[in-house]
């Protein structure tokens, strides 16, 4: 199976463009509101999380580079709509060379974080699919959250 950098970047762009469209529906207050109920997150928190998870998975589990994240802090983050749009744009810029490096290899196929990939497949393709799964799952969460807070 061949993974092309352009294809990976295209689908990353689709996911983040969807997040940007969710922001069209919200203002600086509503983007930070968590709907009532256990385990909910604000759209701002979800976007910050997505902007960290994608580069992190490619860099750390994909390329074996050192990385640190504050996952709980990502979900607790607050930001304005403009700040979130800037963050999305910066994430796509950041991802561009990372994806190129990932596709060019070598990758860290035995990285310990790959144990968190669903199923038994720890391949590079499974890693890419996992990143897409997470981004599009959270995009759905954002769309439902925008419905709930407006």
C-alpha atoms as a PDB file:
ATOM      1  CA  UNK A   1       0.000   0.000   0.000  1.00  0.00           C
ATOM      2  CA  UNK A   2       1.361   3.370  -0.959  1.00  0.00           C
ATOM      3  CA  UNK A   3       0.737   6.428   1.180  1.00  0.00           C
ATOM      4  CA  UNK A   4       1.236   9.686  -0.648  1.00  0.00           C
ATOM      5  CA  UNK A   5       1.977  12.839   1.321  1.00  0.00           C
ATOM      6  CA  UNK A   6      -0.446  14.810  -0.853  1.00  0.00           C
ATOM      7  CA  UNK A   7      -3.299  12.436   0.007  1.00  0.00           C
ATOM      8  CA  UNK A   8      -2.585  12.586   3.738  1.00  0.00           C
ATOM      9  CA  UNK A   9      -2.381  16.386   3.589  1.00  0.00           C
ATOM     10  CA  UNK A  10      -5.622  16.562   1.603  1.00  0.00           C
ATOM     11  CA  UNK A  11      -7.598  14.667   4.252  1.00  0.00           C
ATOM     12  CA  UNK A  12      -5.965  16.599   7.072  1.00  0.00           C
ATOM     13  CA  UNK A  13      -7.097  19.739   5.247  1.00  0.00           C
ATOM     14  CA  UNK A  14     -10.639  18.392   4.904  1.00  0.00           C
ATOM     15  CA  UNK A  15     -10.859  17.677   8.639  1.00  0.00           C
ATOM     16  CA  UNK A  16      -9.493  21.056   9.692  1.00  0.00           C
ATOM     17  CA  UNK A  17     -11.633  22.892   7.115  1.00  0.00           C
ATOM     18  CA  UNK A  18     -14.669  21.246   8.723  1.00  0.00           C
ATOM     19  CA  UNK A  19     -13.544  22.548  12.102  1.00  0.00           C
ATOM     20  CA  UNK A  20     -13.156  26.005  10.626  1.00  0.00           C
ATOM     21  CA  UNK A  21     -16.746  25.791   9.313  1.00  0.00           C
ATOM     22  CA  UNK A  22     -17.993  24.898  12.801  1.00  0.00           C
ATOM     23  CA  UNK A  23     -16.379  28.119  14.014  1.00  0.00           C
ATOM     24  CA  UNK A  24     -18.603  30.027  11.549  1.00  0.00           C
ATOM     25  CA  UNK A  25     -21.548  29.063  13.770  1.00  0.00           C
ATOM     26  CA  UNK A  26     -20.071  30.261  17.062  1.00  0.00           C
ATOM     27  CA  UNK A  27     -18.854  33.412  18.774  1.00  0.00           C
ATOM     28  CA  UNK A  28     -16.106  33.964  21.326  1.00  0.00           C
ATOM     29  CA  UNK A  29     -18.392  33.008  24.201  1.00  0.00           C
ATOM     30  CA  UNK A  30     -20.203  29.983  22.779  1.00  0.00           C
ATOM     31  CA  UNK A  31     -16.994  28.427  21.408  1.00  0.00           C
ATOM     32  CA  UNK A  32     -15.847  27.949  25.014  1.00  0.00           C
ATOM     33  CA  UNK A  33     -19.092  26.508  26.417  1.00  0.00           C
ATOM     34  CA  UNK A  34     -19.229  22.857  27.451  1.00  0.00           C
ATOM     35  CA  UNK A  35     -22.711  21.391  27.090  1.00  0.00           C
ATOM     36  CA  UNK A  36     -24.102  20.011  30.320  1.00  0.00           C
ATOM     37  CA  UNK A  37     -23.463  16.373  30.973  1.00  0.00           C
ATOM     38  CA  UNK A  38     -20.564  14.120  31.793  1.00  0.00           C
ATOM     39  CA  UNK A  39     -17.541  14.095  29.511  1.00  0.00           C
ATOM     40  CA  UNK A  40     -18.476  16.995  27.269  1.00  0.00           C
ATOM     41  CA  UNK A  41     -15.968  19.413  25.821  1.00  0.00           C
ATOM     42  CA  UNK A  42     -16.133  22.858  24.315  1.00  0.00           C
ATOM     43  CA  UNK A  43     -15.452  23.367  20.629  1.00  0.00           C
ATOM     44  CA  UNK A  44     -12.364  25.365  21.627  1.00  0.00           C
ATOM     45  CA  UNK A  45     -11.031  22.484  23.697  1.00  0.00           C
ATOM     46  CA  UNK A  46     -11.703  19.998  20.918  1.00  0.00           C
ATOM     47  CA  UNK A  47      -9.946  22.150  18.323  1.00  0.00           C
ATOM     48  CA  UNK A  48      -6.912  22.672  20.544  1.00  0.00           C
ATOM     49  CA  UNK A  49      -6.827  18.922  21.153  1.00  0.00           C
ATOM     50  CA  UNK A  50      -6.981  18.152  17.427  1.00  0.00           C
ATOM     51  CA  UNK A  51      -4.291  20.720  16.680  1.00  0.00           C
ATOM     52  CA  UNK A  52      -2.017  18.864  19.082  1.00  0.00           C
ATOM     53  CA  UNK A  53      -2.966  15.264  18.399  1.00  0.00           C
ATOM     54  CA  UNK A  54      -2.299  15.247  14.657  1.00  0.00           C
ATOM     55  CA  UNK A  55       1.273  16.578  14.716  1.00  0.00           C
ATOM     56  CA  UNK A  56       2.016  14.598  17.865  1.00  0.00           C
ATOM     57  CA  UNK A  57       1.008  11.257  16.383  1.00  0.00           C
ATOM     58  CA  UNK A  58       2.999  11.827  13.205  1.00  0.00           C
ATOM     59  CA  UNK A  59       6.065  13.153  15.032  1.00  0.00           C
ATOM     60  CA  UNK A  60       6.167  10.932  18.090  1.00  0.00           C
ATOM     61  CA  UNK A  61       4.598   7.584  17.213  1.00  0.00           C
ATOM     62  CA  UNK A  62       5.305   8.057  13.512  1.00  0.00           C
ATOM     63  CA  UNK A  63       8.834   9.419  13.386  1.00  0.00           C
ATOM     64  CA  UNK A  64      10.060   8.613  16.875  1.00  0.00           C
ATOM     65  CA  UNK A  65      10.775  12.220  17.749  1.00  0.00           C
ATOM     66  CA  UNK A  66      10.486  13.414  21.319  1.00  0.00           C
ATOM     67  CA  UNK A  67       7.265  15.223  22.078  1.00  0.00           C
ATOM     68  CA  UNK A  68       5.332  16.361  25.095  1.00  0.00           C
ATOM     69  CA  UNK A  69       1.650  17.100  25.365  1.00  0.00           C
ATOM     70  CA  UNK A  70      -0.733  18.207  28.061  1.00  0.00           C
ATOM     71  CA  UNK A  71      -3.757  16.261  26.828  1.00  0.00           C
ATOM     72  CA  UNK A  72      -5.958  17.311  29.750  1.00  0.00           C
ATOM     73  CA  UNK A  73      -4.915  20.930  29.209  1.00  0.00           C
ATOM     74  CA  UNK A  74      -5.872  20.681  25.544  1.00  0.00           C
ATOM     75  CA  UNK A  75      -9.463  19.840  26.425  1.00  0.00           C
ATOM     76  CA  UNK A  76      -9.576  22.565  29.097  1.00  0.00           C
ATOM     77  CA  UNK A  77      -8.251  25.279  26.760  1.00  0.00           C
ATOM     78  CA  UNK A  78     -10.220  28.413  25.994  1.00  0.00           C
ATOM     79  CA  UNK A  79      -9.712  30.703  23.020  1.00  0.00           C
ATOM     80  CA  UNK A  80     -11.440  33.182  20.756  1.00  0.00           C
ATOM     81  CA  UNK A  81     -12.737  32.155  17.349  1.00  0.00           C
ATOM     82  CA  UNK A  82      -9.931  34.147  15.709  1.00  0.00           C
ATOM     83  CA  UNK A  83      -7.297  32.448  17.874  1.00  0.00           C
ATOM     84  CA  UNK A  84      -8.685  29.038  16.945  1.00  0.00           C
ATOM     85  CA  UNK A  85      -8.634  29.858  13.236  1.00  0.00           C
ATOM     86  CA  UNK A  86      -5.003  30.963  13.589  1.00  0.00           C
ATOM     87  CA  UNK A  87      -4.208  27.756  15.459  1.00  0.00           C
ATOM     88  CA  UNK A  88      -5.795  25.602  12.747  1.00  0.00           C
ATOM     89  CA  UNK A  89      -3.805  27.399  10.057  1.00  0.00           C
ATOM     90  CA  UNK A  90      -0.564  27.070  12.039  1.00  0.00           C
ATOM     91  CA  UNK A  91      -1.224  23.367  12.590  1.00  0.00           C
ATOM     92  CA  UNK A  92      -1.590  22.737   8.865  1.00  0.00           C
ATOM     93  CA  UNK A  93       1.658  24.630   8.232  1.00  0.00           C
ATOM     94  CA  UNK A  94       3.353  22.612  10.977  1.00  0.00           C
ATOM     95  CA  UNK A  95       2.024  19.330   9.587  1.00  0.00           C
ATOM     96  CA  UNK A  96       3.277  19.927   6.039  1.00  0.00           C
ATOM     97  CA  UNK A  97       6.955  19.023   6.588  1.00  0.00           C
ATOM     98  CA  UNK A  98       6.103  16.438   9.249  1.00  0.00           C
ATOM     99  CA  UNK A  99       3.932  14.503   6.796  1.00  0.00           C
ATOM    100  CA  UNK A 100       6.671  14.763   4.148  1.00  0.00           C
ATOM    101  CA  UNK A 101       9.182  13.317   6.623  1.00  0.00           C
ATOM    102  CA  UNK A 102       6.735  10.598   7.683  1.00  0.00           C
ATOM    103  CA  UNK A 103       6.128   9.466   4.108  1.00  0.00           C
ATOM    104  CA  UNK A 104       9.830   9.642   3.215  1.00  0.00           C
ATOM    105  CA  UNK A 105      10.732   7.627   6.311  1.00  0.00           C
ATOM    106  CA  UNK A 106      12.221   5.966   8.084  1.00  0.00           C
ATOM    107  CA  UNK A 107       9.401   5.717  10.571  1.00  0.00           C
ATOM    108  CA  UNK A 108       9.344   4.395  14.128  1.00  0.00           C
ATOM    109  CA  UNK A 109       7.324   1.269  13.409  1.00  0.00           C
ATOM    110  CA  UNK A 110       7.996  -0.180  16.852  1.00  0.00           C
ATOM    111  CA  UNK A 111       7.225   2.983  18.832  1.00  0.00           C
ATOM    112  CA  UNK A 112       5.556   2.255  22.184  1.00  0.00           C
ATOM    113  CA  UNK A 113       2.613   4.593  21.454  1.00  0.00           C
ATOM    114  CA  UNK A 114       1.539   2.416  18.557  1.00  0.00           C
ATOM    115  CA  UNK A 115       0.081   0.010  21.109  1.00  0.00           C
ATOM    116  CA  UNK A 116      -2.802   2.520  21.316  1.00  0.00           C
ATOM    117  CA  UNK A 117      -3.704   1.989  17.656  1.00  0.00           C
ATOM    118  CA  UNK A 118      -6.969   0.055  17.333  1.00  0.00           C
ATOM    119  CA  UNK A 119      -6.722  -3.636  16.495  1.00  0.00           C
ATOM    120  CA  UNK A 120      -3.456  -5.444  15.906  1.00  0.00           C
ATOM    121  CA  UNK A 121      -2.113  -3.318  13.060  1.00  0.00           C
ATOM    122  CA  UNK A 122       0.791  -1.089  14.103  1.00  0.00           C
ATOM    123  CA  UNK A 123       1.707  -0.077  10.541  1.00  0.00           C
ATOM    124  CA  UNK A 124       2.204   3.422   9.219  1.00  0.00           C
ATOM    125  CA  UNK A 125      -1.095   3.125   7.360  1.00  0.00           C
ATOM    126  CA  UNK A 126      -2.889   2.247  10.602  1.00  0.00           C
ATOM    127  CA  UNK A 127      -1.328   5.302  12.242  1.00  0.00           C
ATOM    128  CA  UNK A 128      -2.581   7.577   9.449  1.00  0.00           C
ATOM    129  CA  UNK A 129      -6.065   6.065   9.638  1.00  0.00           C
ATOM    130  CA  UNK A 130      -6.072   6.510  13.403  1.00  0.00           C
ATOM    131  CA  UNK A 131      -5.236  10.208  13.081  1.00  0.00           C
ATOM    132  CA  UNK A 132      -8.047  10.640  10.550  1.00  0.00           C
ATOM    133  CA  UNK A 133     -10.438   8.663  12.757  1.00  0.00           C
ATOM    134  CA  UNK A 134      -9.703  10.921  15.714  1.00  0.00           C
ATOM    135  CA  UNK A 135      -9.941  14.152  13.726  1.00  0.00           C
ATOM    136  CA  UNK A 136     -13.247  13.277  12.076  1.00  0.00           C
ATOM    137  CA  UNK A 137     -14.702  11.860  15.302  1.00  0.00           C
ATOM    138  CA  UNK A 138     -13.892  15.110  17.088  1.00  0.00           C
ATOM    139  CA  UNK A 139     -15.246  17.122  14.161  1.00  0.00           C
ATOM    140  CA  UNK A 140     -18.547  15.333  14.739  1.00  0.00           C
ATOM    141  CA  UNK A 141     -18.331  16.182  18.431  1.00  0.00           C
ATOM    142  CA  UNK A 142     -17.776  19.823  17.493  1.00  0.00           C
ATOM    143  CA  UNK A 143     -20.805  19.877  15.211  1.00  0.00           C
ATOM    144  CA  UNK A 144     -23.056  18.393  17.922  1.00  0.00           C
ATOM    145  CA  UNK A 145     -21.590  20.761  20.518  1.00  0.00           C
ATOM    146  CA  UNK A 146     -22.248  23.765  18.276  1.00  0.00           C
ATOM    147  CA  UNK A 147     -25.877  22.607  17.985  1.00  0.00           C
ATOM    148  CA  UNK A 148     -26.147  22.265  21.748  1.00  0.00           C
ATOM    149  CA  UNK A 149     -24.669  25.626  22.725  1.00  0.00           C
ATOM    150  CA  UNK A 150     -26.369  27.865  20.160  1.00  0.00           C
END
